[in-house]
Amino acid sequence: MSFGIIACLLIMLYTGHKPTKRTFEMVCFYLSGWASAAEMERHIEALPKPA
């Protein structure tokens, strides 16, 4: 679980936005093996970009 929080903080640095609950879920699914790297990348790319 703590790896998920660290990953969400890194995603926040990358995107410039606070991670949503869905982003945290996707990170946890990815780290547990329930989501693929491609699914994780698609989710990150779909996040809104900073203005």
C-alpha atoms as a PDB file:
ATOM      1  CA  MET A   1       0.000   0.000   0.000  1.00  0.00           C
ATOM      2  CA  SER A   2       2.788   2.467   0.780  1.00  0.00           C
ATOM      3  CA  PHE A   3       4.242   1.849  -2.693  1.00  0.00           C
ATOM      4  CA  GLY A   4       0.897   2.948  -4.113  1.00  0.00           C
ATOM      5  CA  ILE A   5       1.090   6.240  -2.214  1.00  0.00           C
ATOM      6  CA  ILE A   6       4.646   6.856  -3.415  1.00  0.00           C
ATOM      7  CA  ALA A   7       3.612   6.053  -6.989  1.00  0.00           C
ATOM      8  CA  CYS A   8       0.678   8.480  -6.737  1.00  0.00           C
ATOM      9  CA  LEU A   9       3.026  11.216  -5.531  1.00  0.00           C
ATOM     10  CA  LEU A  10       5.292  10.579  -8.515  1.00  0.00           C
ATOM     11  CA  ILE A  11       2.286  10.729 -10.842  1.00  0.00           C
ATOM     12  CA  MET A  12       1.362  14.051  -9.216  1.00  0.00           C
ATOM     13  CA  LEU A  13       4.823  15.389 -10.008  1.00  0.00           C
ATOM     14  CA  TYR A  14       4.501  14.141 -13.604  1.00  0.00           C
ATOM     15  CA  THR A  15       0.973  15.443 -14.286  1.00  0.00           C
ATOM     16  CA  GLY A  16       0.871  18.476 -12.004  1.00  0.00           C
ATOM     17  CA  HIS A  17      -2.498  17.405 -10.533  1.00  0.00           C
ATOM     18  CA  LYS A  18      -3.532  15.733  -7.320  1.00  0.00           C
ATOM     19  CA  PRO A  19      -4.157  12.019  -7.932  1.00  0.00           C
ATOM     20  CA  THR A  20      -7.786  10.931  -7.848  1.00  0.00           C
ATOM     21  CA  LYS A  21      -9.134   7.925  -6.003  1.00  0.00           C
ATOM     22  CA  ARG A  22      -9.308   6.142  -9.369  1.00  0.00           C
ATOM     23  CA  THR A  23      -5.595   6.828  -9.987  1.00  0.00           C
ATOM     24  CA  PHE A  24      -4.740   5.352  -6.605  1.00  0.00           C
ATOM     25  CA  GLU A  25      -6.877   2.296  -7.427  1.00  0.00           C
ATOM     26  CA  MET A  26      -5.129   1.867 -10.789  1.00  0.00           C
ATOM     27  CA  VAL A  27      -1.702   2.071  -9.142  1.00  0.00           C
ATOM     28  CA  CYS A  28      -2.720  -0.555  -6.581  1.00  0.00           C
ATOM     29  CA  PHE A  29      -4.166  -2.786  -9.315  1.00  0.00           C
ATOM     30  CA  TYR A  30      -0.977  -2.438 -11.329  1.00  0.00           C
ATOM     31  CA  LEU A  31       1.273  -3.206  -8.363  1.00  0.00           C
ATOM     32  CA  SER A  32      -0.834  -6.248  -7.446  1.00  0.00           C
ATOM     33  CA  GLY A  33      -0.778  -7.542 -11.025  1.00  0.00           C
ATOM     34  CA  TRP A  34      -4.461  -6.986 -11.811  1.00  0.00           C
ATOM     35  CA  ALA A  35      -3.738  -4.250 -14.389  1.00  0.00           C
ATOM     36  CA  SER A  36      -1.167  -4.269 -17.158  1.00  0.00           C
ATOM     37  CA  ALA A  37       1.435  -1.602 -17.819  1.00  0.00           C
ATOM     38  CA  ALA A  38      -0.518  -0.594 -20.934  1.00  0.00           C
ATOM     39  CA  GLU A  39      -3.679  -0.040 -18.874  1.00  0.00           C
ATOM     40  CA  MET A  40      -1.717   2.033 -16.371  1.00  0.00           C
ATOM     41  CA  GLU A  41      -0.180   4.150 -19.149  1.00  0.00           C
ATOM     42  CA  ARG A  42      -3.611   4.710 -20.750  1.00  0.00           C
ATOM     43  CA  HIS A  43      -4.980   5.892 -17.408  1.00  0.00           C
ATOM     44  CA  ILE A  44      -2.090   8.312 -16.864  1.00  0.00           C
ATOM     45  CA  GLU A  45      -2.386   9.677 -20.410  1.00  0.00           C
ATOM     46  CA  ALA A  46      -6.137  10.244 -19.885  1.00  0.00           C
ATOM     47  CA  LEU A  47      -5.535  12.431 -16.827  1.00  0.00           C
ATOM     48  CA  PRO A  48      -6.112  16.156 -17.416  1.00  0.00           C
ATOM     49  CA  LYS A  49      -2.973  18.087 -18.318  1.00  0.00           C
ATOM     50  CA  PRO A  50      -1.985  21.173 -16.278  1.00  0.00           C
ATOM     51  CA  ALA A  51      -2.897  24.532 -17.781  1.00  0.00           C
END
